[in-house]
Amino acid sequence: MRFDIVTLFPDFFTSPLCSGLLGKALAKQIAQVNLVNPRDFTTDKHRRVDDEPYGGGVGMLMKPEPIFAAVESLPILPRREVILMTPQGQPMNQRLLVDLATGYDQLVVICGHYEGVDERVLHLVTREVSLGDFVLTCGEIPALALVNGVVRLRPGTVGKVESLKAESFEAGLLDYPQYTRPAEFRGWKVPDVLLSGNHAEIDRWRKEQQIERTRDRRPDLYTDWVKNSKGDRE
């Protein structure tokens, strides 16, 4: 899988792309990340990538010409998505990451800056994605989250594939609580059922904990899960 990240700050990605599972996955060529700077495609002596918005307003906008030139310089793979990271996009969630990880060969990710991008950039874009209902200083942060979330779902990144199926959001529920040694720490004990060796009881307890935790912490997810579970039973 190929990622092409259109960014004014390529150095932002240097350390994260070399660290942890993401760094190992890229080293094994499970995915490839290419960084392209719109500033390299400017034609004026000041290499300007921003300008004042028509009609007035606070701040600056990213100009369309360098972004178009940067994206149009890239190869086009058969299954390609051009993504703009913007607070106005669809929320990033696990379902989206699975779709991107399994349905595409190339993700072109445009990182916004300043007050955003010229509206005409959307003619390049096939999907707008948001990290959440808040505003950050740059699009590189959500872009890195997207790359991380997609690459970890690609075959070969995570050692135990089963772990991907039993984590938060995969079944519409939050993950169950987990414990490791010691069996007691500062008076807090590991639940007896996890020490019992009875795997059927452990599975039952974990499912109950998932349901209870989702109901208490994410009522929105719980409501959706109940509705979907009801549909599965009918």
Protein backbone atom coordinates (compact mmCIF):
# COMPACT_ATOMS: atom_id res chain seq x y z
CA MET A 1 0.00 0.00 0.00
CA ARG A 2 1.23 3.46 -0.90
CA PHE A 3 0.68 6.67 1.06
CA ASP A 4 1.42 10.04 -0.53
CA ILE A 5 1.29 12.78 2.09
CA VAL A 6 1.04 16.33 0.76
CA THR A 7 2.56 18.40 3.54
CA LEU A 8 4.34 21.70 4.08
CA PHE A 9 6.32 20.09 6.93
CA PRO A 10 7.78 16.73 5.85
CA ASP A 11 10.10 16.73 8.89
CA PHE A 12 7.04 16.33 11.11
CA PHE A 13 6.83 12.68 10.04
CA THR A 14 10.51 11.77 10.38
CA SER A 15 10.50 10.27 13.88
CA PRO A 16 6.97 8.72 13.93
CA LEU A 17 7.55 6.89 10.64
CA CYS A 18 10.70 5.30 12.08
CA SER A 19 9.25 4.30 15.45
CA GLY A 20 7.41 1.30 16.87
CA LEU A 21 5.25 -1.05 14.82
CA LEU A 22 4.73 1.61 12.18
CA GLY A 23 8.47 1.92 11.59
CA LYS A 24 8.86 -1.87 11.45
CA ALA A 25 5.98 -2.19 8.99
CA LEU A 26 7.48 0.40 6.67
CA ALA A 27 10.90 -1.25 6.94
CA LYS A 28 9.28 -4.54 5.86
CA GLN A 29 7.60 -2.66 2.98
CA ILE A 30 4.12 -3.55 4.18
CA ALA A 31 3.38 0.03 3.21
CA GLN A 32 5.28 2.88 1.59
CA VAL A 33 5.06 6.54 2.63
CA ASN A 34 6.05 9.27 0.20
CA LEU A 35 6.20 12.88 1.41
CA VAL A 36 5.59 15.65 -1.10
CA ASN A 37 5.88 19.36 -0.30
CA PRO A 38 3.58 21.76 -2.20
CA ARG A 39 6.20 24.46 -1.75
CA ASP A 40 8.38 22.58 -4.24
CA PHE A 41 5.75 23.24 -6.89
CA THR A 42 5.48 27.01 -6.50
CA THR A 43 6.56 29.24 -9.38
CA ASP A 44 7.28 32.57 -7.66
CA LYS A 45 10.59 33.54 -6.11
CA HIS A 46 9.13 33.58 -2.59
CA ARG A 47 7.74 30.03 -2.96
CA ARG A 48 4.42 31.23 -1.61
CA VAL A 49 1.77 28.63 -0.74
CA ASP A 50 -0.79 30.85 1.01
CA ASP A 51 -2.72 34.05 0.34
CA GLU A 52 -5.48 36.24 1.79
CA PRO A 53 -9.08 35.04 1.34
CA TYR A 54 -11.35 36.84 -1.09
CA GLY A 55 -14.07 38.78 0.74
CA GLY A 56 -11.85 39.42 3.75
CA GLY A 57 -11.50 37.45 6.92
CA VAL A 58 -8.94 36.40 9.49
CA GLY A 59 -5.91 34.37 8.51
CA MET A 60 -4.59 32.94 5.27
CA LEU A 61 -5.65 30.13 2.94
CA MET A 62 -3.52 27.55 1.16
CA LYS A 63 -3.42 28.36 -2.55
CA PRO A 64 -4.80 25.77 -4.99
CA GLU A 65 -2.00 25.79 -7.60
CA PRO A 66 0.79 24.18 -5.49
CA ILE A 67 -1.58 21.54 -4.11
CA PHE A 68 -2.90 20.61 -7.56
CA ALA A 69 0.63 20.45 -8.95
CA ALA A 70 1.82 18.29 -6.04
CA VAL A 71 -1.03 15.80 -6.37
CA GLU A 72 -0.83 15.70 -10.17
CA SER A 73 2.88 14.86 -9.95
CA LEU A 74 2.07 11.56 -8.26
CA PRO A 75 1.55 8.19 -9.94
CA ILE A 76 -2.02 6.91 -10.01
CA LEU A 77 -2.61 3.40 -8.69
CA PRO A 78 -5.79 1.49 -9.60
CA ARG A 79 -7.59 1.83 -6.25
CA ARG A 80 -6.85 5.37 -5.15
CA GLU A 81 -8.39 7.75 -2.63
CA VAL A 82 -7.45 11.43 -2.26
CA ILE A 83 -8.15 12.51 1.31
CA LEU A 84 -8.24 16.02 2.74
CA MET A 85 -7.73 16.19 6.50
CA THR A 86 -10.26 18.79 7.69
CA PRO A 87 -12.52 19.33 10.74
CA GLN A 88 -15.42 19.38 8.26
CA GLY A 89 -14.84 15.79 7.13
CA GLN A 90 -16.35 12.50 8.19
CA PRO A 91 -15.15 11.41 11.64
CA MET A 92 -12.22 9.03 11.66
CA ASN A 93 -13.29 5.72 13.20
CA GLN A 94 -12.36 2.06 13.06
CA ARG A 95 -14.84 1.29 10.32
CA LEU A 96 -13.25 3.93 8.10
CA LEU A 97 -9.74 2.64 8.81
CA VAL A 98 -10.78 -0.90 7.89
CA ASP A 99 -12.32 0.35 4.65
CA LEU A 100 -9.16 2.24 3.72
CA ALA A 101 -6.85 -0.64 4.71
CA THR A 102 -8.73 -3.23 2.68
CA GLY A 103 -10.22 -1.30 -0.20
CA TYR A 104 -7.38 0.84 -1.55
CA ASP A 105 -3.86 0.56 -2.95
CA GLN A 106 -3.00 4.26 -2.66
CA LEU A 107 -4.03 6.98 -0.22
CA VAL A 108 -3.10 10.55 -1.09
CA VAL A 109 -3.45 12.60 2.11
CA ILE A 110 -3.54 16.41 1.93
CA CYS A 111 -2.60 18.22 5.13
CA GLY A 112 -4.25 21.61 5.55
CA HIS A 113 -2.78 24.66 7.29
CA TYR A 114 -3.64 28.22 8.25
CA GLU A 115 -7.41 28.75 7.88
CA GLY A 116 -7.72 25.83 5.50
CA VAL A 117 -7.45 25.32 1.75
CA ASP A 118 -8.97 27.09 -1.23
CA GLU A 119 -12.38 25.49 -1.88
CA ARG A 120 -11.33 24.49 -5.39
CA VAL A 121 -8.93 21.93 -3.92
CA LEU A 122 -12.02 19.82 -3.25
CA HIS A 123 -12.14 19.06 -6.97
CA LEU A 124 -9.09 16.88 -6.32
CA VAL A 125 -10.52 15.26 -3.22
CA THR A 126 -12.55 12.05 -3.06
CA ARG A 127 -12.99 11.99 0.72
CA GLU A 128 -12.75 14.49 3.59
CA VAL A 129 -11.75 13.10 6.99
CA SER A 130 -11.73 14.66 10.47
CA LEU A 131 -9.94 13.51 13.60
CA GLY A 132 -12.74 14.96 15.73
CA ASP A 133 -14.85 17.99 16.49
CA PHE A 134 -11.94 20.28 17.29
CA VAL A 135 -9.34 22.34 15.45
CA LEU A 136 -5.58 21.70 15.42
CA THR A 137 -2.69 23.80 14.18
CA CYS A 138 -2.07 21.54 11.20
CA GLY A 139 -3.33 18.56 9.22
CA GLU A 140 -0.19 16.53 9.86
CA ILE A 141 -1.40 15.28 13.25
CA PRO A 142 -4.62 13.67 11.97
CA ALA A 143 -2.78 12.49 8.83
CA LEU A 144 -0.28 10.61 10.99
CA ALA A 145 -3.14 9.09 12.99
CA LEU A 146 -4.75 7.91 9.76
CA VAL A 147 -1.54 6.37 8.44
CA ASN A 148 -0.90 4.63 11.76
CA GLY A 149 -4.45 3.30 12.02
CA VAL A 150 -4.47 1.97 8.46
CA VAL A 151 -0.99 0.42 8.43
CA ARG A 152 -1.58 -1.53 11.65
CA LEU A 153 -4.50 -3.25 9.92
CA ARG A 154 -2.40 -4.38 6.98
CA PRO A 155 -1.30 -8.05 7.02
CA GLY A 156 2.08 -8.52 8.67
CA THR A 157 2.08 -5.39 10.86
CA VAL A 158 0.60 -6.89 14.03
CA GLY A 159 2.06 -10.21 15.10
CA LYS A 160 -1.15 -11.78 16.39
CA VAL A 161 -4.00 -11.14 13.97
CA GLU A 162 -6.48 -12.32 16.61
CA SER A 163 -5.68 -9.25 18.69
CA LEU A 164 -7.14 -7.03 15.97
CA LYS A 165 -10.47 -8.84 16.21
CA ALA A 166 -10.82 -8.56 19.98
CA GLU A 167 -10.09 -4.89 20.54
CA SER A 168 -12.22 -1.80 21.01
CA PHE A 169 -14.68 -0.90 18.25
CA GLU A 170 -14.16 -4.03 16.14
CA ALA A 171 -17.43 -5.59 17.33
CA GLY A 172 -19.14 -2.29 18.12
CA LEU A 173 -18.10 -2.47 21.77
CA LEU A 174 -15.22 -1.14 23.84
CA ASP A 175 -12.50 -3.55 24.90
CA TYR A 176 -12.76 -5.53 28.13
CA PRO A 177 -10.44 -4.78 31.11
CA GLN A 178 -7.14 -6.66 31.04
CA TYR A 179 -4.60 -7.57 33.72
CA THR A 180 -1.12 -9.03 33.99
CA ARG A 181 1.20 -10.04 36.86
CA PRO A 182 1.23 -9.52 39.80
CA ALA A 183 -2.13 -11.00 40.79
CA GLU A 184 -2.42 -8.34 43.52
CA PHE A 185 -1.00 -4.82 43.42
CA ARG A 186 -1.51 -2.28 46.22
CA GLY A 187 -4.59 -4.12 47.35
CA TRP A 188 -6.17 -4.34 43.89
CA LYS A 189 -6.69 -7.95 42.88
CA VAL A 190 -7.11 -9.49 39.48
CA PRO A 191 -10.70 -10.82 39.15
CA ASP A 192 -10.88 -14.45 40.25
CA VAL A 193 -12.47 -15.56 36.99
CA LEU A 194 -9.29 -14.65 35.08
CA LEU A 195 -7.27 -16.92 37.37
CA SER A 196 -9.73 -19.82 37.16
CA GLY A 197 -8.53 -21.35 33.90
CA ASN A 198 -12.16 -21.75 32.84
CA HIS A 199 -12.05 -20.26 29.35
CA ALA A 200 -15.79 -20.39 28.80
CA GLU A 201 -16.37 -18.39 31.98
CA ILE A 202 -13.57 -16.00 31.05
CA ASP A 203 -15.13 -15.38 27.63
CA ARG A 204 -18.52 -14.80 29.23
CA TRP A 205 -17.06 -12.37 31.78
CA ARG A 206 -15.17 -10.46 29.11
CA LYS A 207 -18.28 -10.04 26.97
CA GLU A 208 -20.26 -8.83 29.99
CA GLN A 209 -17.50 -6.33 30.78
CA GLN A 210 -17.48 -5.07 27.20
CA ILE A 211 -21.21 -4.47 27.28
CA GLU A 212 -21.15 -2.82 30.70
CA ARG A 213 -18.14 -0.62 29.85
CA THR A 214 -19.63 0.52 26.55
CA ARG A 215 -22.99 1.27 28.18
CA ASP A 216 -21.33 3.38 30.90
CA ARG A 217 -18.63 5.14 28.88
CA ARG A 218 -20.06 5.38 25.37
CA PRO A 219 -23.86 5.34 25.43
CA ASP A 220 -23.87 6.27 21.73
CA LEU A 221 -21.93 3.12 20.80
CA TYR A 222 -24.04 1.03 23.14
CA THR A 223 -27.26 2.22 21.50
CA ASP A 224 -25.91 1.34 18.06
CA TRP A 225 -24.72 -2.06 19.30
CA VAL A 226 -28.10 -2.90 20.80
CA LYS A 227 -29.84 -1.91 17.57
CA ASN A 228 -27.45 -3.93 15.41
CA SER A 229 -27.55 -6.93 17.73
CA LYS A 230 -31.32 -6.91 17.60
CA GLY A 231 -31.17 -6.91 13.83
CA ASP A 232 -28.80 -9.89 13.83
CA ARG A 233 -31.20 -11.87 15.99
CA GLU A 234 -34.23 -11.20 13.80
